[in-house]
Amino acid sequence: METSTYGNKLVALRIDIELIIKYRYKLRMMGIPVEGASQVLYDNKSIVLSTSLSSCMQKKKHKAITHHQVRETVAASIVKVSHIASTENVLADILTKPTDEPTYRRHIKSTLVILKLSDDIT
């Protein structure tokens, strides 16, 4: 259980990376080549900076272990963590942050377009 936003985001990033590693492995097992790093977008700049700078240190042991797991995958070019502006983070923000009505309607419209496109693909 984390009490800080930073700690929550760091744990979420570790879980995301574990899933990415599993999916990349499954794709390779099916004969699909996986080249380059998988892109992970976060709207928290401190997470992006701490995972990209090798000089960042964590004081609490459980955060340090999580931080090193993330840094290891970034250093191995398995994952690249990048920043995304909150205004562009449509799919996550509509479910997690309060917004005014015009922004909400724009997010819903974008989400419906994305869902429609994914239905057309499958």
PDB file of N, CA and C in Angstrom:
ATOM      1  N   MET A   1       0.846  -1.176   0.000  1.00  0.00           N
ATOM      2  CA  MET A   1       0.000   0.000   0.000  1.00  0.00           C
ATOM      3  C   MET A   1       0.889   1.237   0.000  1.00  0.00           C
ATOM      4  N   GLU A   2       0.691   2.071  -0.972  1.00  0.00           N
ATOM      5  CA  GLU A   2       1.483   3.288  -1.089  1.00  0.00           C
ATOM      6  C   GLU A   2       0.645   4.482  -0.661  1.00  0.00           C
ATOM      7  N   THR A   3       1.279   5.447  -0.020  1.00  0.00           N
ATOM      8  CA  THR A   3       0.567   6.643   0.419  1.00  0.00           C
ATOM      9  C   THR A   3       0.891   7.859  -0.439  1.00  0.00           C
ATOM     10  N   SER A   4       1.871   7.754  -1.308  1.00  0.00           N
ATOM     11  CA  SER A   4       2.233   8.898  -2.141  1.00  0.00           C
ATOM     12  C   SER A   4       1.909   8.623  -3.602  1.00  0.00           C
ATOM     13  N   THR A   5       1.674   9.680  -4.339  1.00  0.00           N
ATOM     14  CA  THR A   5       1.412   9.546  -5.768  1.00  0.00           C
ATOM     15  C   THR A   5       2.638   8.962  -6.463  1.00  0.00           C
ATOM     16  N   TYR A   6       3.824   9.432  -6.088  1.00  0.00           N
ATOM     17  CA  TYR A   6       5.047   8.925  -6.693  1.00  0.00           C
ATOM     18  C   TYR A   6       5.177   7.417  -6.472  1.00  0.00           C
ATOM     19  N   GLY A   7       4.960   6.980  -5.239  1.00  0.00           N
ATOM     20  CA  GLY A   7       5.059   5.551  -4.934  1.00  0.00           C
ATOM     21  C   GLY A   7       4.043   4.726  -5.707  1.00  0.00           C
ATOM     22  N   ASN A   8       2.815   5.233  -5.804  1.00  0.00           N
ATOM     23  CA  ASN A   8       1.778   4.536  -6.569  1.00  0.00           C
ATOM     24  C   ASN A   8       2.162   4.407  -8.031  1.00  0.00           C
ATOM     25  N   LYS A   9       2.631   5.513  -8.609  1.00  0.00           N
ATOM     26  CA  LYS A   9       3.007   5.498 -10.031  1.00  0.00           C
ATOM     27  C   LYS A   9       4.199   4.576 -10.271  1.00  0.00           C
ATOM     28  N   LEU A  10       5.149   4.559  -9.343  1.00  0.00           N
ATOM     29  CA  LEU A  10       6.321   3.703  -9.498  1.00  0.00           C
ATOM     30  C   LEU A  10       5.930   2.230  -9.460  1.00  0.00           C
ATOM     31  N   VAL A  11       5.056   1.864  -8.544  1.00  0.00           N
ATOM     32  CA  VAL A  11       4.587   0.477  -8.464  1.00  0.00           C
ATOM     33  C   VAL A  11       3.782   0.126  -9.719  1.00  0.00           C
ATOM     34  N   ALA A  12       2.942   1.043 -10.185  1.00  0.00           N
ATOM     35  CA  ALA A  12       2.169   0.805 -11.406  1.00  0.00           C
ATOM     36  C   ALA A  12       3.098   0.613 -12.605  1.00  0.00           C
ATOM     37  N   LEU A  13       4.164   1.393 -12.657  1.00  0.00           N
ATOM     38  CA  LEU A  13       5.131   1.257 -13.752  1.00  0.00           C
ATOM     39  C   LEU A  13       5.819  -0.100 -13.698  1.00  0.00           C
ATOM     40  N   ARG A  14       6.162  -0.556 -12.512  1.00  0.00           N
ATOM     41  CA  ARG A  14       6.787  -1.886 -12.382  1.00  0.00           C
ATOM     42  C   ARG A  14       5.846  -2.971 -12.879  1.00  0.00           C
ATOM     43  N   ILE A  15       4.576  -2.868 -12.521  1.00  0.00           N
ATOM     44  CA  ILE A  15       3.583  -3.852 -12.972  1.00  0.00           C
ATOM     45  C   ILE A  15       3.432  -3.789 -14.490  1.00  0.00           C
ATOM     46  N   ASP A  16       3.393  -2.572 -15.039  1.00  0.00           N
ATOM     47  CA  ASP A  16       3.319  -2.401 -16.496  1.00  0.00           C
ATOM     48  C   ASP A  16       4.507  -3.068 -17.179  1.00  0.00           C
ATOM     49  N   ILE A  17       5.684  -2.874 -16.624  1.00  0.00           N
ATOM     50  CA  ILE A  17       6.885  -3.442 -17.221  1.00  0.00           C
ATOM     51  C   ILE A  17       6.869  -4.966 -17.153  1.00  0.00           C
ATOM     52  N   GLU A  18       6.399  -5.514 -16.045  1.00  0.00           N
ATOM     53  CA  GLU A  18       6.294  -6.965 -15.945  1.00  0.00           C
ATOM     54  C   GLU A  18       5.360  -7.510 -17.024  1.00  0.00           C
ATOM     55  N   LEU A  19       4.246  -6.824 -17.270  1.00  0.00           N
ATOM     56  CA  LEU A  19       3.323  -7.250 -18.330  1.00  0.00           C
ATOM     57  C   LEU A  19       3.955  -7.120 -19.711  1.00  0.00           C
ATOM     58  N   ILE A  20       4.669  -6.029 -19.943  1.00  0.00           N
ATOM     59  CA  ILE A  20       5.336  -5.827 -21.230  1.00  0.00           C
ATOM     60  C   ILE A  20       6.338  -6.952 -21.491  1.00  0.00           C
ATOM     61  N   ILE A  21       7.110  -7.310 -20.481  1.00  0.00           N
ATOM     62  CA  ILE A  21       8.092  -8.387 -20.632  1.00  0.00           C
ATOM     63  C   ILE A  21       7.388  -9.698 -20.974  1.00  0.00           C
ATOM     64  N   LYS A  22       6.280  -9.993 -20.308  1.00  0.00           N
ATOM     65  CA  LYS A  22       5.528 -11.217 -20.601  1.00  0.00           C
ATOM     66  C   LYS A  22       4.981 -11.215 -22.017  1.00  0.00           C
ATOM     67  N   TYR A  23       4.418 -10.084 -22.456  1.00  0.00           N
ATOM     68  CA  TYR A  23       3.864 -10.013 -23.810  1.00  0.00           C
ATOM     69  C   TYR A  23       4.957 -10.107 -24.866  1.00  0.00           C
ATOM     70  N   ARG A  24       6.082  -9.468 -24.626  1.00  0.00           N
ATOM     71  CA  ARG A  24       7.188  -9.558 -25.574  1.00  0.00           C
ATOM     72  C   ARG A  24       7.681 -11.001 -25.683  1.00  0.00           C
ATOM     73  N   TYR A  25       7.744 -11.698 -24.566  1.00  0.00           N
ATOM     74  CA  TYR A  25       8.162 -13.102 -24.569  1.00  0.00           C
ATOM     75  C   TYR A  25       7.163 -13.965 -25.342  1.00  0.00           C
ATOM     76  N   LYS A  26       5.869 -13.737 -25.095  1.00  0.00           N
ATOM     77  CA  LYS A  26       4.848 -14.525 -25.805  1.00  0.00           C
ATOM     78  C   LYS A  26       4.889 -14.273 -27.310  1.00  0.00           C
ATOM     79  N   LEU A  27       5.105 -13.029 -27.704  1.00  0.00           N
ATOM     80  CA  LEU A  27       5.216 -12.726 -29.132  1.00  0.00           C
ATOM     81  C   LEU A  27       6.404 -13.447 -29.757  1.00  0.00           C
ATOM     82  N   ARG A  28       7.548 -13.446 -29.057  1.00  0.00           N
ATOM     83  CA  ARG A  28       8.720 -14.155 -29.571  1.00  0.00           C
ATOM     84  C   ARG A  28       8.465 -15.655 -29.645  1.00  0.00           C
ATOM     85  N   MET A  29       7.742 -16.199 -28.675  1.00  0.00           N
ATOM     86  CA  MET A  29       7.418 -17.628 -28.690  1.00  0.00           C
ATOM     87  C   MET A  29       6.533 -17.994 -29.879  1.00  0.00           C
ATOM     88  N   MET A  30       5.728 -17.037 -30.354  1.00  0.00           N
ATOM     89  CA  MET A  30       4.874 -17.271 -31.527  1.00  0.00           C
ATOM     90  C   MET A  30       5.608 -16.988 -32.836  1.00  0.00           C
ATOM     91  N   GLY A  31       6.885 -16.635 -32.729  1.00  0.00           N
ATOM     92  CA  GLY A  31       7.677 -16.397 -33.927  1.00  0.00           C
ATOM     93  C   GLY A  31       7.604 -14.970 -34.448  1.00  0.00           C
ATOM     94  N   ILE A  32       7.024 -14.069 -33.677  1.00  0.00           N
ATOM     95  CA  ILE A  32       6.916 -12.671 -34.077  1.00  0.00           C
ATOM     96  C   ILE A  32       8.114 -11.921 -33.505  1.00  0.00           C
ATOM     97  N   PRO A  33       8.958 -11.367 -34.367  1.00  0.00           N
ATOM     98  CA  PRO A  33      10.128 -10.650 -33.838  1.00  0.00           C
ATOM     99  C   PRO A  33       9.724  -9.359 -33.133  1.00  0.00           C
ATOM    100  N   VAL A  34      10.356  -9.100 -32.012  1.00  0.00           N
ATOM    101  CA  VAL A  34      10.107  -7.880 -31.249  1.00  0.00           C
ATOM    102  C   VAL A  34      11.403  -7.076 -31.260  1.00  0.00           C
ATOM    103  N   GLU A  35      11.364  -5.944 -31.940  1.00  0.00           N
ATOM    104  CA  GLU A  35      12.568  -5.126 -32.070  1.00  0.00           C
ATOM    105  C   GLU A  35      12.368  -3.794 -31.364  1.00  0.00           C
ATOM    106  N   GLY A  36      13.412  -3.313 -30.752  1.00  0.00           N
ATOM    107  CA  GLY A  36      13.354  -2.013 -30.093  1.00  0.00           C
ATOM    108  C   GLY A  36      12.651  -2.063 -28.753  1.00  0.00           C
ATOM    109  N   ALA A  37      12.664  -0.922 -28.100  1.00  0.00           N
ATOM    110  CA  ALA A  37      12.065  -0.798 -26.773  1.00  0.00           C
ATOM    111  C   ALA A  37      10.565  -0.544 -26.882  1.00  0.00           C
ATOM    112  N   SER A  38       9.821  -1.052 -25.929  1.00  0.00           N
ATOM    113  CA  SER A  38       8.391  -0.764 -25.835  1.00  0.00           C
ATOM    114  C   SER A  38       8.217   0.604 -25.191  1.00  0.00           C
ATOM    115  N   GLN A  39       7.328   1.393 -25.730  1.00  0.00           N
ATOM    116  CA  GLN A  39       7.110   2.761 -25.250  1.00  0.00           C
ATOM    117  C   GLN A  39       6.066   2.758 -24.131  1.00  0.00           C
ATOM    118  N   VAL A  40       6.400   3.376 -23.004  1.00  0.00           N
ATOM    119  CA  VAL A  40       5.468   3.555 -21.899  1.00  0.00           C
ATOM    120  C   VAL A  40       5.336   5.054 -21.661  1.00  0.00           C
ATOM    121  N   LEU A  41       4.103   5.556 -21.655  1.00  0.00           N
ATOM    122  CA  LEU A  41       3.863   6.988 -21.494  1.00  0.00           C
ATOM    123  C   LEU A  41       3.289   7.271 -20.107  1.00  0.00           C
ATOM    124  N   TYR A  42       3.886   8.234 -19.409  1.00  0.00           N
ATOM    125  CA  TYR A  42       3.414   8.636 -18.082  1.00  0.00           C
ATOM    126  C   TYR A  42       3.270  10.146 -18.041  1.00  0.00           C
ATOM    127  N   ASP A  43       2.242  10.611 -17.332  1.00  0.00           N
ATOM    128  CA  ASP A  43       2.043  12.053 -17.208  1.00  0.00           C
ATOM    129  C   ASP A  43       2.696  12.614 -15.949  1.00  0.00           C
ATOM    130  N   ASN A  44       3.472  11.805 -15.270  1.00  0.00           N
ATOM    131  CA  ASN A  44       4.178  12.212 -14.068  1.00  0.00           C
ATOM    132  C   ASN A  44       5.660  12.396 -14.407  1.00  0.00           C
ATOM    133  N   LYS A  45       6.109  13.655 -14.464  1.00  0.00           N
ATOM    134  CA  LYS A  45       7.489  13.937 -14.880  1.00  0.00           C
ATOM    135  C   LYS A  45       8.525  13.358 -13.928  1.00  0.00           C
ATOM    136  N   SER A  46       8.207  13.297 -12.647  1.00  0.00           N
ATOM    137  CA  SER A  46       9.198  12.777 -11.697  1.00  0.00           C
ATOM    138  C   SER A  46       9.464  11.294 -11.932  1.00  0.00           C
ATOM    139  N   ILE A  47       8.449  10.549 -12.335  1.00  0.00           N
ATOM    140  CA  ILE A  47       8.645   9.132 -12.663  1.00  0.00           C
ATOM    141  C   ILE A  47       9.533   9.005 -13.897  1.00  0.00           C
ATOM    142  N   VAL A  48       9.245   9.803 -14.909  1.00  0.00           N
ATOM    143  CA  VAL A  48      10.033   9.747 -16.147  1.00  0.00           C
ATOM    144  C   VAL A  48      11.488  10.100 -15.869  1.00  0.00           C
ATOM    145  N   LEU A  49      11.724  11.152 -15.096  1.00  0.00           N
ATOM    146  CA  LEU A  49      13.099  11.554 -14.792  1.00  0.00           C
ATOM    147  C   LEU A  49      13.825  10.526 -13.935  1.00  0.00           C
ATOM    148  N   SER A  50      13.164  10.006 -12.920  1.00  0.00           N
ATOM    149  CA  SER A  50      13.850   9.069 -12.024  1.00  0.00           C
ATOM    150  C   SER A  50      14.169   7.749 -12.708  1.00  0.00           C
ATOM    151  N   THR A  51      13.404   7.385 -13.725  1.00  0.00           N
ATOM    152  CA  THR A  51      13.703   6.131 -14.423  1.00  0.00           C
ATOM    153  C   THR A  51      14.748   6.325 -15.516  1.00  0.00           C
ATOM    154  N   SER A  52      14.951   7.562 -15.936  1.00  0.00           N
ATOM    155  CA  SER A  52      15.924   7.797 -17.006  1.00  0.00           C
ATOM    156  C   SER A  52      17.287   8.253 -16.484  1.00  0.00           C
ATOM    157  N   LEU A  53      17.351   8.748 -15.268  1.00  0.00           N
ATOM    158  CA  LEU A  53      18.620   9.194 -14.702  1.00  0.00           C
ATOM    159  C   LEU A  53      19.187   8.133 -13.766  1.00  0.00           C
ATOM    160  N   SER A  54      20.393   7.707 -14.028  1.00  0.00           N
ATOM    161  CA  SER A  54      20.988   6.660 -13.192  1.00  0.00           C
ATOM    162  C   SER A  54      21.400   7.172 -11.817  1.00  0.00           C
ATOM    163  N   SER A  55      21.461   8.489 -11.653  1.00  0.00           N
ATOM    164  CA  SER A  55      21.894   9.049 -10.373  1.00  0.00           C
ATOM    165  C   SER A  55      20.788   9.123  -9.329  1.00  0.00           C
ATOM    166  N   CYS A  56      19.545   8.852  -9.705  1.00  0.00           N
ATOM    167  CA  CYS A  56      18.429   8.922  -8.757  1.00  0.00           C
ATOM    168  C   CYS A  56      18.516   7.784  -7.754  1.00  0.00           C
ATOM    169  N   MET A  57      18.256   8.107  -6.507  1.00  0.00           N
ATOM    170  CA  MET A  57      18.301   7.121  -5.438  1.00  0.00           C
ATOM    171  C   MET A  57      16.984   7.141  -4.675  1.00  0.00           C
ATOM    172  N   GLN A  58      16.615   6.007  -4.095  1.00  0.00           N
ATOM    173  CA  GLN A  58      15.418   5.895  -3.277  1.00  0.00           C
ATOM    174  C   GLN A  58      15.839   5.624  -1.840  1.00  0.00           C
ATOM    175  N   LYS A  59      15.153   6.236  -0.892  1.00  0.00           N
ATOM    176  CA  LYS A  59      15.504   6.066   0.518  1.00  0.00           C
ATOM    177  C   LYS A  59      14.818   4.869   1.151  1.00  0.00           C
ATOM    178  N   LYS A  60      13.616   4.565   0.717  1.00  0.00           N
ATOM    179  CA  LYS A  60      12.893   3.442   1.302  1.00  0.00           C
ATOM    180  C   LYS A  60      13.195   2.176   0.506  1.00  0.00           C
ATOM    181  N   LYS A  61      13.400   1.080   1.212  1.00  0.00           N
ATOM    182  CA  LYS A  61      13.867  -0.145   0.577  1.00  0.00           C
ATOM    183  C   LYS A  61      12.888  -0.667  -0.472  1.00  0.00           C
ATOM    184  N   HIS A  62      11.578  -0.680  -0.166  1.00  0.00           N
ATOM    185  CA  HIS A  62      10.627  -1.234  -1.130  1.00  0.00           C
ATOM    186  C   HIS A  62      10.560  -0.378  -2.392  1.00  0.00           C
ATOM    187  N   LYS A  63      10.719   0.936  -2.253  1.00  0.00           N
ATOM    188  CA  LYS A  63      10.755   1.795  -3.436  1.00  0.00           C
ATOM    189  C   LYS A  63      12.066   1.609  -4.190  1.00  0.00           C
ATOM    190  N   ALA A  64      13.148   1.397  -3.468  1.00  0.00           N
ATOM    191  CA  ALA A  64      14.447   1.208  -4.110  1.00  0.00           C
ATOM    192  C   ALA A  64      14.452  -0.061  -4.955  1.00  0.00           C
ATOM    193  N   ILE A  65      13.858  -1.130  -4.452  1.00  0.00           N
ATOM    194  CA  ILE A  65      13.805  -2.384  -5.202  1.00  0.00           C
ATOM    195  C   ILE A  65      12.982  -2.200  -6.477  1.00  0.00           C
ATOM    196  N   THR A  66      11.820  -1.561  -6.348  1.00  0.00           N
ATOM    197  CA  THR A  66      10.977  -1.299  -7.505  1.00  0.00           C
ATOM    198  C   THR A  66      11.704  -0.396  -8.495  1.00  0.00           C
ATOM    199  N   HIS A  67      12.353   0.642  -7.989  1.00  0.00           N
ATOM    200  CA  HIS A  67      13.081   1.581  -8.836  1.00  0.00           C
ATOM    201  C   HIS A  67      14.180   0.865  -9.621  1.00  0.00           C
ATOM    202  N   HIS A  68      14.915  -0.023  -8.974  1.00  0.00           N
ATOM    203  CA  HIS A  68      15.997  -0.737  -9.654  1.00  0.00           C
ATOM    204  C   HIS A  68      15.463  -1.720 -10.690  1.00  0.00           C
ATOM    205  N   GLN A  69      14.323  -2.328 -10.420  1.00  0.00           N
ATOM    206  CA  GLN A  69      13.712  -3.207 -11.421  1.00  0.00           C
ATOM    207  C   GLN A  69      13.355  -2.418 -12.670  1.00  0.00           C
ATOM    208  N   VAL A  70      12.773  -1.253 -12.485  1.00  0.00           N
ATOM    209  CA  VAL A  70      12.400  -0.397 -13.612  1.00  0.00           C
ATOM    210  C   VAL A  70      13.643   0.083 -14.340  1.00  0.00           C
ATOM    211  N   ARG A  71      14.638   0.577 -13.600  1.00  0.00           N
ATOM    212  CA  ARG A  71      15.868   1.079 -14.211  1.00  0.00           C
ATOM    213  C   ARG A  71      16.582  -0.008 -15.011  1.00  0.00           C
ATOM    214  N   GLU A  72      16.535  -1.230 -14.508  1.00  0.00           N
ATOM    215  CA  GLU A  72      17.194  -2.335 -15.204  1.00  0.00           C
ATOM    216  C   GLU A  72      16.581  -2.564 -16.583  1.00  0.00           C
ATOM    217  N   THR A  73      15.265  -2.527 -16.683  1.00  0.00           N
ATOM    218  CA  THR A  73      14.612  -2.740 -17.976  1.00  0.00           C
ATOM    219  C   THR A  73      14.813  -1.546 -18.913  1.00  0.00           C
ATOM    220  N   VAL A  74      14.888  -0.340 -18.349  1.00  0.00           N
ATOM    221  CA  VAL A  74      15.167   0.839 -19.172  1.00  0.00           C
ATOM    222  C   VAL A  74      16.603   0.767 -19.695  1.00  0.00           C
ATOM    223  N   ALA A  75      17.551   0.400 -18.839  1.00  0.00           N
ATOM    224  CA  ALA A  75      18.954   0.304 -19.245  1.00  0.00           C
ATOM    225  C   ALA A  75      19.166  -0.798 -20.283  1.00  0.00           C
ATOM    226  N   ALA A  76      18.377  -1.849 -20.221  1.00  0.00           N
ATOM    227  CA  ALA A  76      18.487  -2.949 -21.175  1.00  0.00           C
ATOM    228  C   ALA A  76      17.737  -2.660 -22.481  1.00  0.00           C
ATOM    229  N   SER A  77      17.163  -1.479 -22.605  1.00  0.00           N
ATOM    230  CA  SER A  77      16.392  -1.056 -23.791  1.00  0.00           C
ATOM    231  C   SER A  77      15.201  -1.969 -24.066  1.00  0.00           C
ATOM    232  N   ILE A  78      14.617  -2.495 -23.008  1.00  0.00           N
ATOM    233  CA  ILE A  78      13.381  -3.261 -23.143  1.00  0.00           C
ATOM    234  C   ILE A  78      12.205  -2.297 -23.137  1.00  0.00           C
ATOM    235  N   VAL A  79      12.320  -1.260 -22.321  1.00  0.00           N
ATOM    236  CA  VAL A  79      11.253  -0.276 -22.157  1.00  0.00           C
ATOM    237  C   VAL A  79      11.848   1.117 -22.244  1.00  0.00           C
ATOM    238  N   LYS A  80      11.098   2.027 -22.852  1.00  0.00           N
ATOM    239  CA  LYS A  80      11.467   3.444 -22.848  1.00  0.00           C
ATOM    240  C   LYS A  80      10.312   4.197 -22.209  1.00  0.00           C
ATOM    241  N   VAL A  81      10.586   4.895 -21.112  1.00  0.00           N
ATOM    242  CA  VAL A  81       9.565   5.647 -20.390  1.00  0.00           C
ATOM    243  C   VAL A  81       9.627   7.092 -20.859  1.00  0.00           C
ATOM    244  N   SER A  82       8.510   7.610 -21.354  1.00  0.00           N
ATOM    245  CA  SER A  82       8.445   8.976 -21.863  1.00  0.00           C
ATOM    246  C   SER A  82       7.295   9.719 -21.208  1.00  0.00           C
ATOM    247  N   HIS A  83       7.376  11.045 -21.292  1.00  0.00           N
ATOM    248  CA  HIS A  83       6.334  11.893 -20.705  1.00  0.00           C
ATOM    249  C   HIS A  83       5.240  12.172 -21.723  1.00  0.00           C
ATOM    250  N   ILE A  84       4.000  12.203 -21.251  1.00  0.00           N
ATOM    251  CA  ILE A  84       2.866  12.613 -22.064  1.00  0.00           C
ATOM    252  C   ILE A  84       2.126  13.685 -21.271  1.00  0.00           C
ATOM    253  N   ALA A  85       1.749  14.734 -21.937  1.00  0.00           N
ATOM    254  CA  ALA A  85       1.024  15.817 -21.259  1.00  0.00           C
ATOM    255  C   ALA A  85      -0.341  15.317 -20.809  1.00  0.00           C
ATOM    256  N   SER A  86      -0.798  15.816 -19.678  1.00  0.00           N
ATOM    257  CA  SER A  86      -2.110  15.402 -19.166  1.00  0.00           C
ATOM    258  C   SER A  86      -3.218  15.690 -20.160  1.00  0.00           C
ATOM    259  N   THR A  87      -3.067  16.754 -20.932  1.00  0.00           N
ATOM    260  CA  THR A  87      -4.105  17.095 -21.917  1.00  0.00           C
ATOM    261  C   THR A  87      -4.173  16.075 -23.044  1.00  0.00           C
ATOM    262  N   GLU A  88      -3.093  15.323 -23.260  1.00  0.00           N
ATOM    263  CA  GLU A  88      -3.063  14.313 -24.315  1.00  0.00           C
ATOM    264  C   GLU A  88      -3.354  12.907 -23.807  1.00  0.00           C
ATOM    265  N   ASN A  89      -3.436  12.743 -22.518  1.00  0.00           N
ATOM    266  CA  ASN A  89      -3.609  11.431 -21.903  1.00  0.00           C
ATOM    267  C   ASN A  89      -5.095  11.094 -21.775  1.00  0.00           C
ATOM    268  N   VAL A  90      -5.754  11.022 -22.897  1.00  0.00           N
ATOM    269  CA  VAL A  90      -7.215  10.928 -22.951  1.00  0.00           C
ATOM    270  C   VAL A  90      -7.755   9.681 -22.257  1.00  0.00           C
ATOM    271  N   LEU A  91      -7.285   8.524 -22.610  1.00  0.00           N
ATOM    272  CA  LEU A  91      -7.881   7.289 -22.108  1.00  0.00           C
ATOM    273  C   LEU A  91      -7.749   7.130 -20.599  1.00  0.00           C
ATOM    274  N   ALA A  92      -6.626   7.519 -20.031  1.00  0.00           N
ATOM    275  CA  ALA A  92      -6.441   7.385 -18.588  1.00  0.00           C
ATOM    276  C   ALA A  92      -7.152   8.489 -17.826  1.00  0.00           C
ATOM    277  N   ASP A  93      -7.066   9.706 -18.317  1.00  0.00           N
ATOM    278  CA  ASP A  93      -7.594  10.837 -17.561  1.00  0.00           C
ATOM    279  C   ASP A  93      -9.105  10.844 -17.441  1.00  0.00           C
ATOM    280  N   ILE A  94      -9.802  10.349 -18.434  1.00  0.00           N
ATOM    281  CA  ILE A  94     -11.259  10.380 -18.361  1.00  0.00           C
ATOM    282  C   ILE A  94     -11.773   9.502 -17.222  1.00  0.00           C
ATOM    283  N   LEU A  95     -10.996   8.500 -16.852  1.00  0.00           N
ATOM    284  CA  LEU A  95     -11.416   7.597 -15.786  1.00  0.00           C
ATOM    285  C   LEU A  95     -10.878   7.989 -14.409  1.00  0.00           C
ATOM    286  N   THR A  96      -9.869   8.864 -14.366  1.00  0.00           N
ATOM    287  CA  THR A  96      -9.203   9.109 -13.097  1.00  0.00           C
ATOM    288  C   THR A  96      -9.217  10.548 -12.618  1.00  0.00           C
ATOM    289  N   LYS A  97      -9.534  11.512 -13.480  1.00  0.00           N
ATOM    290  CA  LYS A  97      -9.444  12.912 -13.072  1.00  0.00           C
ATOM    291  C   LYS A  97     -10.729  13.664 -13.373  1.00  0.00           C
ATOM    292  N   PRO A  98     -11.147  14.529 -12.445  1.00  0.00           N
ATOM    293  CA  PRO A  98     -12.330  15.345 -12.717  1.00  0.00           C
ATOM    294  C   PRO A  98     -12.015  16.396 -13.779  1.00  0.00           C
ATOM    295  N   THR A  99     -12.949  16.609 -14.683  1.00  0.00           N
ATOM    296  CA  THR A  99     -12.744  17.589 -15.749  1.00  0.00           C
ATOM    297  C   THR A  99     -14.013  18.416 -15.934  1.00  0.00           C
ATOM    298  N   ASP A 100     -13.878  19.532 -16.630  1.00  0.00           N
ATOM    299  CA  ASP A 100     -15.053  20.327 -16.960  1.00  0.00           C
ATOM    300  C   ASP A 100     -15.811  19.651 -18.106  1.00  0.00           C
ATOM    301  N   GLU A 101     -17.011  20.107 -18.377  1.00  0.00           N
ATOM    302  CA  GLU A 101     -17.859  19.431 -19.355  1.00  0.00           C
ATOM    303  C   GLU A 101     -17.288  19.415 -20.772  1.00  0.00           C
ATOM    304  N   PRO A 102     -16.757  20.540 -21.297  1.00  0.00           N
ATOM    305  CA  PRO A 102     -16.199  20.469 -22.656  1.00  0.00           C
ATOM    306  C   PRO A 102     -15.040  19.468 -22.789  1.00  0.00           C
ATOM    307  N   THR A 103     -14.170  19.439 -21.779  1.00  0.00           N
ATOM    308  CA  THR A 103     -13.053  18.492 -21.805  1.00  0.00           C
ATOM    309  C   THR A 103     -13.567  17.069 -21.714  1.00  0.00           C
ATOM    310  N   TYR A 104     -14.554  16.837 -20.847  1.00  0.00           N
ATOM    311  CA  TYR A 104     -15.145  15.508 -20.702  1.00  0.00           C
ATOM    312  C   TYR A 104     -15.742  15.042 -22.032  1.00  0.00           C
ATOM    313  N   ARG A 105     -16.504  15.912 -22.682  1.00  0.00           N
ATOM    314  CA  ARG A 105     -17.128  15.548 -23.964  1.00  0.00           C
ATOM    315  C   ARG A 105     -16.068  15.262 -25.036  1.00  0.00           C
ATOM    316  N   ARG A 106     -14.991  16.046 -25.050  1.00  0.00           N
ATOM    317  CA  ARG A 106     -13.917  15.812 -26.018  1.00  0.00           C
ATOM    318  C   ARG A 106     -13.259  14.465 -25.760  1.00  0.00           C
ATOM    319  N   HIS A 107     -13.022  14.131 -24.473  1.00  0.00           N
ATOM    320  CA  HIS A 107     -12.428  12.842 -24.129  1.00  0.00           C
ATOM    321  C   HIS A 107     -13.347  11.692 -24.515  1.00  0.00           C
ATOM    322  N   ILE A 108     -14.631  11.835 -24.222  1.00  0.00           N
ATOM    323  CA  ILE A 108     -15.581  10.781 -24.571  1.00  0.00           C
ATOM    324  C   ILE A 108     -15.612  10.576 -26.079  1.00  0.00           C
ATOM    325  N   LYS A 109     -15.634  11.671 -26.827  1.00  0.00           N
ATOM    326  CA  LYS A 109     -15.657  11.584 -28.285  1.00  0.00           C
ATOM    327  C   LYS A 109     -14.406  10.868 -28.802  1.00  0.00           C
ATOM    328  N   SER A 110     -13.241  11.215 -28.270  1.00  0.00           N
ATOM    329  CA  SER A 110     -11.990  10.565 -28.680  1.00  0.00           C
ATOM    330  C   SER A 110     -12.007   9.089 -28.320  1.00  0.00           C
ATOM    331  N   THR A 111     -12.512   8.776 -27.134  1.00  0.00           N
ATOM    332  CA  THR A 111     -12.571   7.386 -26.688  1.00  0.00           C
ATOM    333  C   THR A 111     -13.490   6.573 -27.583  1.00  0.00           C
ATOM    334  N   LEU A 112     -14.629   7.117 -27.938  1.00  0.00           N
ATOM    335  CA  LEU A 112     -15.559   6.400 -28.814  1.00  0.00           C
ATOM    336  C   LEU A 112     -14.950   6.157 -30.188  1.00  0.00           C
ATOM    337  N   VAL A 113     -14.188   7.116 -30.689  1.00  0.00           N
ATOM    338  CA  VAL A 113     -13.511   6.938 -31.977  1.00  0.00           C
ATOM    339  C   VAL A 113     -12.489   5.819 -31.870  1.00  0.00           C
ATOM    340  N   ILE A 114     -11.716   5.798 -30.787  1.00  0.00           N
ATOM    341  CA  ILE A 114     -10.713   4.754 -30.592  1.00  0.00           C
ATOM    342  C   ILE A 114     -11.383   3.392 -30.467  1.00  0.00           C
ATOM    343  N   LEU A 115     -12.480   3.306 -29.709  1.00  0.00           N
ATOM    344  CA  LEU A 115     -13.198   2.048 -29.557  1.00  0.00           C
ATOM    345  C   LEU A 115     -13.775   1.590 -30.897  1.00  0.00           C
ATOM    346  N   LYS A 116     -14.287   2.502 -31.692  1.00  0.00           N
ATOM    347  CA  LYS A 116     -14.834   2.169 -33.002  1.00  0.00           C
ATOM    348  C   LYS A 116     -13.739   1.633 -33.903  1.00  0.00           C
ATOM    349  N   LEU A 117     -12.566   2.275 -33.881  1.00  0.00           N
ATOM    350  CA  LEU A 117     -11.457   1.822 -34.697  1.00  0.00           C
ATOM    351  C   LEU A 117     -11.013   0.415 -34.290  1.00  0.00           C
ATOM    352  N   SER A 118     -10.972   0.144 -32.981  1.00  0.00           N
ATOM    353  CA  SER A 118     -10.547  -1.181 -32.524  1.00  0.00           C
ATOM    354  C   SER A 118     -11.580  -2.245 -32.899  1.00  0.00           C
ATOM    355  N   ASP A 119     -12.861  -1.906 -32.937  1.00  0.00           N
ATOM    356  CA  ASP A 119     -13.882  -2.844 -33.377  1.00  0.00           C
ATOM    357  C   ASP A 119     -13.735  -3.154 -34.864  1.00  0.00           C
ATOM    358  N   ASP A 120     -13.378  -2.156 -35.664  1.00  0.00           N
ATOM    359  CA  ASP A 120     -13.190  -2.355 -37.100  1.00  0.00           C
ATOM    360  C   ASP A 120     -12.002  -3.248 -37.386  1.00  0.00           C
ATOM    361  N   ILE A 121     -10.979  -3.174 -36.543  1.00  0.00           N
ATOM    362  CA  ILE A 121      -9.776  -3.984 -36.755  1.00  0.00           C
ATOM    363  C   ILE A 121     -10.054  -5.444 -36.460  1.00  0.00           C
ATOM    364  N   THR A 122     -10.808  -5.730 -35.401  1.00  0.00           N
ATOM    365  CA  THR A 122     -11.057  -7.126 -35.011  1.00  0.00           C
ATOM    366  C   THR A 122     -12.185  -7.696 -35.743  1.00  0.00           C
TER     367      THR A 122
END
